[in-house]
Structure formats: C-alpha cells, structure tokens
Amino acid sequence: MTITITAFERSPDGGKGLARDTRVRWALEEAGLPYEVRLVSFRAMKEAAHLALNPFGQIPTYEEGDLALFETGAIVLHIAERHPGLFPADANARARAITWMFAALNTVELPILELVTVKLAEGDKPWKAARLPLVEDRVRARLNQLAARLGDGDWLDGGFSAGDLLMVSVLLRLRPSGLLNEFPSLDAYVARGEARPAYQRAFAAQLAINAAPSP
C-alpha cells in the first residue's frame, strides 16, 4: 500500500530540517520504504479535509490504506514496529528504545520548545530579558543529564534506534541558539545522526521543496 505523508507547502524554517515531517521522512528512509508527500498550505491545514486527519491542524500526517495517523512519535513508532531498521531484535532493548522515544519528546523537547517560544514568539515582550536565562538554564540541566547518560557512546543504547532518531531531531532545534556547542559529546551525537545516509535523503527531500519556486 502507498504511504502518503503531509508536509508544509512552505516550511517556516526554509527547509532546514526542523519541521516535523523530517522526522517521519527519516524513519521511512531508515526503513527503506517508498512514500509520497502531499503538500499543504497553512490555510489548507485548518480546513475540514486536513482536520479529518489531524484534528489539531498540524503536519505531518501519515496515511497507509485505511490507516491515518498523526503525531510524529506515534508515526515513527508505527514504522519502527512494522519494519526493520529502527528497533533492535531483543525485546528489552526494544523497550528501552521506546523509552528514549518518549524521553526525547516529553522530557528533552519541552524545555527546548519553551526556549524557541521565548526567543521567537515572545521576542518583543518586556519579560524576555529576565525569562530567557531561566529557560536556558532549564535546557542546560536536561543536556547535562543527557550527556552524562550518553557518555562516550555513539548512541543512547547500543546501536542506532528510533530513540536516537527522535532525540537527534529534537536536539537539532538547539543549533540556532548555540547551546548545543556547550556540550561537545551531544554536538557530535547530533552530527552522527545528520551523517546517516537516510537522514541526508530526508533532509534533501524537504529542502528541495522549499528551494523550488513558490506555487
């Protein structure tokens, strides 16, 4: 069955890999699965046809036969459970990989998104100057914990897994802030993820959309 995902017609980041469809593209590339992309405008994301796929009016969505999914974590989990390449064969190692998926999206990404909000959405607010250092310290606390767990390993738990895919995707959001540079082991960890051929293909596919002339 054909897999179809949705993506921004024009990504807010200009195709630099921060839009969440990149995570799904990467998972599909790691699994060696062909897929099609349906581009949606910001207006179309709020219309009934798209809301039937994602009630929150966001991207990406995932369609395969009569199955429709939303939320990148759920989509990547679905792909990893059904196709080799993203989960280890050992049941306990598989459970740990799922734990890291949840940790990436629930524990690590939340303070990073808060930082993005302060810098962009609240950039002109009078409280930014006082609030920004507090949020940055919360991010640093999480990065210290993550760096301690990673140690000198290449990946979080043995071989590369869906847990690493989501964690690297989350940490990439820190590149513009410079905070990732304060943690050399995590910076190198993200670079290893970016160097994977599957990530390179996913990144190039998203960038190509945004580099093309506007429709």
C-alpha atoms as a PDB file:
ATOM      1  CA  MET A   1       0.000   0.000   0.000  1.00  0.00           C
ATOM      2  CA  THR A   2       1.189   3.505  -0.782  1.00  0.00           C
ATOM      3  CA  ILE A   3       2.363   5.579   2.159  1.00  0.00           C
ATOM      4  CA  THR A   4       1.457   9.271   1.965  1.00  0.00           C
ATOM      5  CA  ILE A   5       2.620  11.910   4.402  1.00  0.00           C
ATOM      6  CA  THR A   6       1.792  15.597   4.558  1.00  0.00           C
ATOM      7  CA  ALA A   7       4.304  18.421   4.776  1.00  0.00           C
ATOM      8  CA  PHE A   8       4.342  22.202   4.675  1.00  0.00           C
ATOM      9  CA  GLU A   9       3.926  23.699   1.240  1.00  0.00           C
ATOM     10  CA  ARG A  10       6.450  26.236   2.555  1.00  0.00           C
ATOM     11  CA  SER A  11       8.224  25.330   5.783  1.00  0.00           C
ATOM     12  CA  PRO A  12       8.714  28.097   8.380  1.00  0.00           C
ATOM     13  CA  ASP A  13      12.385  27.095   8.696  1.00  0.00           C
ATOM     14  CA  GLY A  14      13.014  27.280   4.957  1.00  0.00           C
ATOM     15  CA  GLY A  15      13.634  23.548   4.670  1.00  0.00           C
ATOM     16  CA  LYS A  16      16.440  23.275   7.238  1.00  0.00           C
ATOM     17  CA  GLY A  17      15.114  20.018   8.690  1.00  0.00           C
ATOM     18  CA  LEU A  18      13.307  21.380  11.748  1.00  0.00           C
ATOM     19  CA  ALA A  19       9.756  20.777  10.516  1.00  0.00           C
ATOM     20  CA  ARG A  20       8.418  17.566  11.991  1.00  0.00           C
ATOM     21  CA  ASP A  21       7.812  15.855   8.682  1.00  0.00           C
ATOM     22  CA  THR A  22      11.621  15.484   8.502  1.00  0.00           C
ATOM     23  CA  ARG A  23      11.432  13.016  11.404  1.00  0.00           C
ATOM     24  CA  VAL A  24       8.898  10.877   9.569  1.00  0.00           C
ATOM     25  CA  ARG A  25      10.814  11.096   6.290  1.00  0.00           C
ATOM     26  CA  TRP A  26      13.951   9.989   8.144  1.00  0.00           C
ATOM     27  CA  ALA A  27      12.183   6.987   9.677  1.00  0.00           C
ATOM     28  CA  LEU A  28      10.804   5.952   6.296  1.00  0.00           C
ATOM     29  CA  GLU A  29      14.241   6.282   4.731  1.00  0.00           C
ATOM     30  CA  GLU A  30      15.851   4.207   7.506  1.00  0.00           C
ATOM     31  CA  ALA A  31      13.236   1.514   6.908  1.00  0.00           C
ATOM     32  CA  GLY A  32      13.729   1.676   3.131  1.00  0.00           C
ATOM     33  CA  LEU A  33      10.069   2.484   2.491  1.00  0.00           C
ATOM     34  CA  PRO A  34       8.907   4.493  -0.533  1.00  0.00           C
ATOM     35  CA  TYR A  35       6.430   7.248   0.224  1.00  0.00           C
ATOM     36  CA  GLU A  36       4.581  10.118  -1.354  1.00  0.00           C
ATOM     37  CA  VAL A  37       4.234  13.648   0.016  1.00  0.00           C
ATOM     38  CA  ARG A  38       1.134  15.799  -0.168  1.00  0.00           C
ATOM     39  CA  LEU A  39       1.994  19.448   0.416  1.00  0.00           C
ATOM     40  CA  VAL A  40      -0.471  21.568   2.360  1.00  0.00           C
ATOM     41  CA  SER A  41      -0.668  25.313   2.837  1.00  0.00           C
ATOM     42  CA  PHE A  42      -1.254  26.942   6.223  1.00  0.00           C
ATOM     43  CA  ARG A  43      -4.823  27.651   5.126  1.00  0.00           C
ATOM     44  CA  ALA A  44      -5.443  24.058   3.995  1.00  0.00           C
ATOM     45  CA  MET A  45      -4.160  22.768   7.352  1.00  0.00           C
ATOM     46  CA  LYS A  46      -7.185  24.361   9.035  1.00  0.00           C
ATOM     47  CA  GLU A  47      -9.753  23.046   6.553  1.00  0.00           C
ATOM     48  CA  ALA A  48     -12.008  20.050   7.064  1.00  0.00           C
ATOM     49  CA  ALA A  49     -10.107  17.625   4.832  1.00  0.00           C
ATOM     50  CA  HIS A  50      -6.886  18.015   6.804  1.00  0.00           C
ATOM     51  CA  LEU A  51      -8.609  18.267  10.181  1.00  0.00           C
ATOM     52  CA  ALA A  52     -10.090  14.828   9.484  1.00  0.00           C
ATOM     53  CA  LEU A  53      -6.507  13.524   9.511  1.00  0.00           C
ATOM     54  CA  ASN A  54      -5.170  15.725  12.313  1.00  0.00           C
ATOM     55  CA  PRO A  55      -7.778  17.418  14.500  1.00  0.00           C
ATOM     56  CA  PHE A  56      -5.172  19.967  15.643  1.00  0.00           C
ATOM     57  CA  GLY A  57      -4.455  21.203  12.134  1.00  0.00           C
ATOM     58  CA  GLN A  58      -0.759  20.296  12.101  1.00  0.00           C
ATOM     59  CA  ILE A  59       1.664  18.322   9.991  1.00  0.00           C
ATOM     60  CA  PRO A  60       2.757  15.675   9.366  1.00  0.00           C
ATOM     61  CA  THR A  61       0.046  13.107   8.912  1.00  0.00           C
ATOM     62  CA  TYR A  62       0.530   9.546   7.722  1.00  0.00           C
ATOM     63  CA  GLU A  63      -1.824   7.547   5.528  1.00  0.00           C
ATOM     64  CA  GLU A  64      -1.439   3.904   4.542  1.00  0.00           C
ATOM     65  CA  GLY A  65      -4.518   2.178   3.172  1.00  0.00           C
ATOM     66  CA  ASP A  66      -7.353   2.814   5.617  1.00  0.00           C
ATOM     67  CA  LEU A  67      -4.938   3.825   8.397  1.00  0.00           C
ATOM     68  CA  ALA A  68      -4.465   7.520   9.167  1.00  0.00           C
ATOM     69  CA  LEU A  69      -2.090   8.694  11.913  1.00  0.00           C
ATOM     70  CA  PHE A  70      -0.882  11.987  13.340  1.00  0.00           C
ATOM     71  CA  GLU A  71       1.812  12.953  15.895  1.00  0.00           C
ATOM     72  CA  THR A  72       5.377  12.206  14.850  1.00  0.00           C
ATOM     73  CA  GLY A  73       6.095   9.976  17.825  1.00  0.00           C
ATOM     74  CA  ALA A  74       3.139   7.731  17.017  1.00  0.00           C
ATOM     75  CA  ILE A  75       4.039   7.645  13.322  1.00  0.00           C
ATOM     76  CA  VAL A  76       7.693   6.782  13.942  1.00  0.00           C
ATOM     77  CA  LEU A  77       6.644   4.108  16.451  1.00  0.00           C
ATOM     78  CA  HIS A  78       4.275   2.601  13.884  1.00  0.00           C
ATOM     79  CA  ILE A  79       7.014   2.483  11.252  1.00  0.00           C
ATOM     80  CA  ALA A  80       9.593   1.061  13.650  1.00  0.00           C
ATOM     81  CA  GLU A  81       7.281  -1.688  14.914  1.00  0.00           C
ATOM     82  CA  ARG A  82       6.455  -2.964  11.452  1.00  0.00           C
ATOM     83  CA  HIS A  83       9.677  -2.597   9.501  1.00  0.00           C
ATOM     84  CA  PRO A  84      13.299  -3.464  10.329  1.00  0.00           C
ATOM     85  CA  GLY A  85      15.947  -0.821  10.831  1.00  0.00           C
ATOM     86  CA  LEU A  86      14.708   1.235  13.765  1.00  0.00           C
ATOM     87  CA  PHE A  87      14.282  -1.221  16.631  1.00  0.00           C
ATOM     88  CA  PRO A  88      16.692  -3.875  17.943  1.00  0.00           C
ATOM     89  CA  ALA A  89      15.605  -7.500  17.847  1.00  0.00           C
ATOM     90  CA  ASP A  90      15.979  -8.032  21.608  1.00  0.00           C
ATOM     91  CA  ALA A  91      12.694  -7.343  23.419  1.00  0.00           C
ATOM     92  CA  ASN A  92      14.276  -5.495  26.342  1.00  0.00           C
ATOM     93  CA  ALA A  93      16.433  -3.352  24.066  1.00  0.00           C
ATOM     94  CA  ARG A  94      13.321  -2.613  22.018  1.00  0.00           C
ATOM     95  CA  ALA A  95      11.505  -1.439  25.148  1.00  0.00           C
ATOM     96  CA  ARG A  96      14.440   0.806  26.042  1.00  0.00           C
ATOM     97  CA  ALA A  97      14.404   2.322  22.550  1.00  0.00           C
ATOM     98  CA  ILE A  98      10.725   3.178  23.018  1.00  0.00           C
ATOM     99  CA  THR A  99      11.588   4.736  26.379  1.00  0.00           C
ATOM    100  CA  TRP A 100      14.099   7.009  24.642  1.00  0.00           C
ATOM    101  CA  MET A 101      11.458   7.989  22.081  1.00  0.00           C
ATOM    102  CA  PHE A 102       9.206   9.174  24.896  1.00  0.00           C
ATOM    103  CA  ALA A 103      12.124  10.854  26.672  1.00  0.00           C
ATOM    104  CA  ALA A 104      13.021  12.814  23.536  1.00  0.00           C
ATOM    105  CA  LEU A 105       9.501  14.134  23.016  1.00  0.00           C
ATOM    106  CA  ASN A 106       8.377  14.556  26.626  1.00  0.00           C
ATOM    107  CA  THR A 107      11.450  15.295  28.721  1.00  0.00           C
ATOM    108  CA  VAL A 108      14.004  16.885  26.401  1.00  0.00           C
ATOM    109  CA  GLU A 109      11.931  18.661  23.757  1.00  0.00           C
ATOM    110  CA  LEU A 110       9.610  20.551  26.117  1.00  0.00           C
ATOM    111  CA  PRO A 111      12.209  22.944  27.576  1.00  0.00           C
ATOM    112  CA  ILE A 112      13.736  23.358  24.112  1.00  0.00           C
ATOM    113  CA  LEU A 113      10.365  24.393  22.700  1.00  0.00           C
ATOM    114  CA  GLU A 114       9.988  26.789  25.615  1.00  0.00           C
ATOM    115  CA  LEU A 115      13.310  28.346  24.607  1.00  0.00           C
ATOM    116  CA  VAL A 116      12.137  28.679  20.998  1.00  0.00           C
ATOM    117  CA  THR A 117       8.950  30.364  22.232  1.00  0.00           C
ATOM    118  CA  VAL A 118      10.854  32.891  24.338  1.00  0.00           C
ATOM    119  CA  LYS A 119      13.227  33.753  21.510  1.00  0.00           C
ATOM    120  CA  LEU A 120      10.674  33.977  18.706  1.00  0.00           C
ATOM    121  CA  ALA A 121       7.041  34.233  19.771  1.00  0.00           C
ATOM    122  CA  GLU A 122       7.863  36.312  22.867  1.00  0.00           C
ATOM    123  CA  GLY A 123      10.887  38.096  21.471  1.00  0.00           C
ATOM    124  CA  ASP A 124       9.297  41.525  21.795  1.00  0.00           C
ATOM    125  CA  LYS A 125       7.839  41.025  25.269  1.00  0.00           C
ATOM    126  CA  PRO A 126       9.168  43.036  28.230  1.00  0.00           C
ATOM    127  CA  TRP A 127       9.828  39.901  30.257  1.00  0.00           C
ATOM    128  CA  LYS A 128      12.142  38.277  27.694  1.00  0.00           C
ATOM    129  CA  ALA A 129      15.386  39.567  29.229  1.00  0.00           C
ATOM    130  CA  ALA A 130      14.548  38.129  32.656  1.00  0.00           C
ATOM    131  CA  ARG A 131      12.935  34.936  31.407  1.00  0.00           C
ATOM    132  CA  LEU A 132      15.492  33.845  28.794  1.00  0.00           C
ATOM    133  CA  PRO A 133      18.345  32.923  31.210  1.00  0.00           C
ATOM    134  CA  LEU A 134      15.955  30.839  33.320  1.00  0.00           C
ATOM    135  CA  VAL A 135      14.755  28.874  30.311  1.00  0.00           C
ATOM    136  CA  GLU A 136      18.303  28.416  29.011  1.00  0.00           C
ATOM    137  CA  ASP A 137      19.345  27.009  32.394  1.00  0.00           C
ATOM    138  CA  ARG A 138      16.469  24.511  32.267  1.00  0.00           C
ATOM    139  CA  VAL A 139      17.655  23.370  28.852  1.00  0.00           C
ATOM    140  CA  ARG A 140      21.247  23.091  30.100  1.00  0.00           C
ATOM    141  CA  ALA A 141      20.098  20.948  33.019  1.00  0.00           C
ATOM    142  CA  ARG A 142      18.486  18.461  30.639  1.00  0.00           C
ATOM    143  CA  LEU A 143      21.511  18.481  28.338  1.00  0.00           C
ATOM    144  CA  ASN A 144      23.840  17.792  31.267  1.00  0.00           C
ATOM    145  CA  GLN A 145      21.731  14.772  32.211  1.00  0.00           C
ATOM    146  CA  LEU A 146      21.584  13.531  28.629  1.00  0.00           C
ATOM    147  CA  ALA A 147      25.326  13.985  28.092  1.00  0.00           C
ATOM    148  CA  ALA A 148      26.031  12.037  31.270  1.00  0.00           C
ATOM    149  CA  ARG A 149      23.872   9.162  30.044  1.00  0.00           C
ATOM    150  CA  LEU A 150      25.392   9.161  26.557  1.00  0.00           C
ATOM    151  CA  GLY A 151      28.936   9.155  27.931  1.00  0.00           C
ATOM    152  CA  ASP A 152      31.390   8.213  25.199  1.00  0.00           C
ATOM    153  CA  GLY A 153      28.875   6.043  23.338  1.00  0.00           C
ATOM    154  CA  ASP A 154      27.866   6.648  19.757  1.00  0.00           C
ATOM    155  CA  TRP A 155      24.166   6.132  20.505  1.00  0.00           C
ATOM    156  CA  LEU A 156      21.952   6.087  23.576  1.00  0.00           C
ATOM    157  CA  ASP A 157      21.623   2.324  23.985  1.00  0.00           C
ATOM    158  CA  GLY A 158      23.957   0.315  21.819  1.00  0.00           C
ATOM    159  CA  GLY A 159      23.050   0.613  18.145  1.00  0.00           C
ATOM    160  CA  PHE A 160      21.119   3.372  16.448  1.00  0.00           C
ATOM    161  CA  SER A 161      17.349   3.197  17.032  1.00  0.00           C
ATOM    162  CA  ALA A 162      14.147   5.184  16.730  1.00  0.00           C
ATOM    163  CA  GLY A 163      15.031   6.645  20.132  1.00  0.00           C
ATOM    164  CA  ASP A 164      18.148   8.220  18.643  1.00  0.00           C
ATOM    165  CA  LEU A 165      16.229   9.374  15.580  1.00  0.00           C
ATOM    166  CA  LEU A 166      13.825  11.393  17.687  1.00  0.00           C
ATOM    167  CA  MET A 167      16.458  12.597  20.153  1.00  0.00           C
ATOM    168  CA  VAL A 168      18.716  13.905  17.385  1.00  0.00           C
ATOM    169  CA  SER A 169      15.720  15.557  15.721  1.00  0.00           C
ATOM    170  CA  VAL A 170      14.841  17.300  18.979  1.00  0.00           C
ATOM    171  CA  LEU A 171      18.404  18.444  19.678  1.00  0.00           C
ATOM    172  CA  LEU A 172      18.699  19.915  16.185  1.00  0.00           C
ATOM    173  CA  ARG A 173      16.325  22.652  17.349  1.00  0.00           C
ATOM    174  CA  LEU A 174      19.130  23.939  19.571  1.00  0.00           C
ATOM    175  CA  ARG A 175      21.570  24.654  16.750  1.00  0.00           C
ATOM    176  CA  PRO A 176      20.465  28.294  16.237  1.00  0.00           C
ATOM    177  CA  SER A 177      20.782  29.037  19.979  1.00  0.00           C
ATOM    178  CA  GLY A 178      24.407  27.911  20.266  1.00  0.00           C
ATOM    179  CA  LEU A 179      23.620  25.892  23.410  1.00  0.00           C
ATOM    180  CA  LEU A 180      24.498  22.619  21.727  1.00  0.00           C
ATOM    181  CA  ASN A 181      28.071  23.861  21.290  1.00  0.00           C
ATOM    182  CA  GLU A 182      28.438  23.853  25.080  1.00  0.00           C
ATOM    183  CA  PHE A 183      28.101  20.053  25.068  1.00  0.00           C
ATOM    184  CA  PRO A 184      30.682  18.577  22.652  1.00  0.00           C
ATOM    185  CA  SER A 185      29.538  14.985  23.110  1.00  0.00           C
ATOM    186  CA  LEU A 186      25.945  15.887  22.243  1.00  0.00           C
ATOM    187  CA  ASP A 187      27.061  18.056  19.330  1.00  0.00           C
ATOM    188  CA  ALA A 188      28.997  15.073  17.979  1.00  0.00           C
ATOM    189  CA  TYR A 189      26.000  12.809  18.636  1.00  0.00           C
ATOM    190  CA  VAL A 190      23.771  15.063  16.540  1.00  0.00           C
ATOM    191  CA  ALA A 191      26.420  15.200  13.813  1.00  0.00           C
ATOM    192  CA  ARG A 192      26.455  11.393  13.674  1.00  0.00           C
ATOM    193  CA  GLY A 193      22.710  11.399  13.172  1.00  0.00           C
ATOM    194  CA  GLU A 194      22.947  14.017  10.426  1.00  0.00           C
ATOM    195  CA  ALA A 195      25.647  11.968   8.689  1.00  0.00           C
ATOM    196  CA  ARG A 196      23.418   8.931   8.280  1.00  0.00           C
ATOM    197  CA  PRO A 197      22.503   8.444   4.597  1.00  0.00           C
ATOM    198  CA  ALA A 198      18.820   8.092   5.495  1.00  0.00           C
ATOM    199  CA  TYR A 199      18.841  11.479   7.234  1.00  0.00           C
ATOM    200  CA  GLN A 200      20.670  13.047   4.309  1.00  0.00           C
ATOM    201  CA  ARG A 201      17.979  11.810   1.919  1.00  0.00           C
ATOM    202  CA  ALA A 202      15.169  13.053   4.182  1.00  0.00           C
ATOM    203  CA  PHE A 203      16.807  16.457   4.624  1.00  0.00           C
ATOM    204  CA  ALA A 204      17.453  16.858   0.901  1.00  0.00           C
ATOM    205  CA  ALA A 205      13.855  15.975   0.053  1.00  0.00           C
ATOM    206  CA  GLN A 206      12.461  18.612   2.385  1.00  0.00           C
ATOM    207  CA  LEU A 207      14.983  21.230   1.309  1.00  0.00           C
ATOM    208  CA  ALA A 208      14.147  20.648  -2.357  1.00  0.00           C
ATOM    209  CA  ILE A 209      10.513  21.568  -1.731  1.00  0.00           C
ATOM    210  CA  ASN A 210      11.450  24.850  -0.129  1.00  0.00           C
ATOM    211  CA  ALA A 211      14.105  25.661  -2.730  1.00  0.00           C
ATOM    212  CA  ALA A 212      11.611  25.276  -5.581  1.00  0.00           C
ATOM    213  CA  PRO A 213       9.748  28.331  -6.921  1.00  0.00           C
ATOM    214  CA  SER A 214       6.638  29.237  -4.946  1.00  0.00           C
ATOM    215  CA  PRO A 215       3.465  27.662  -6.388  1.00  0.00           C
END
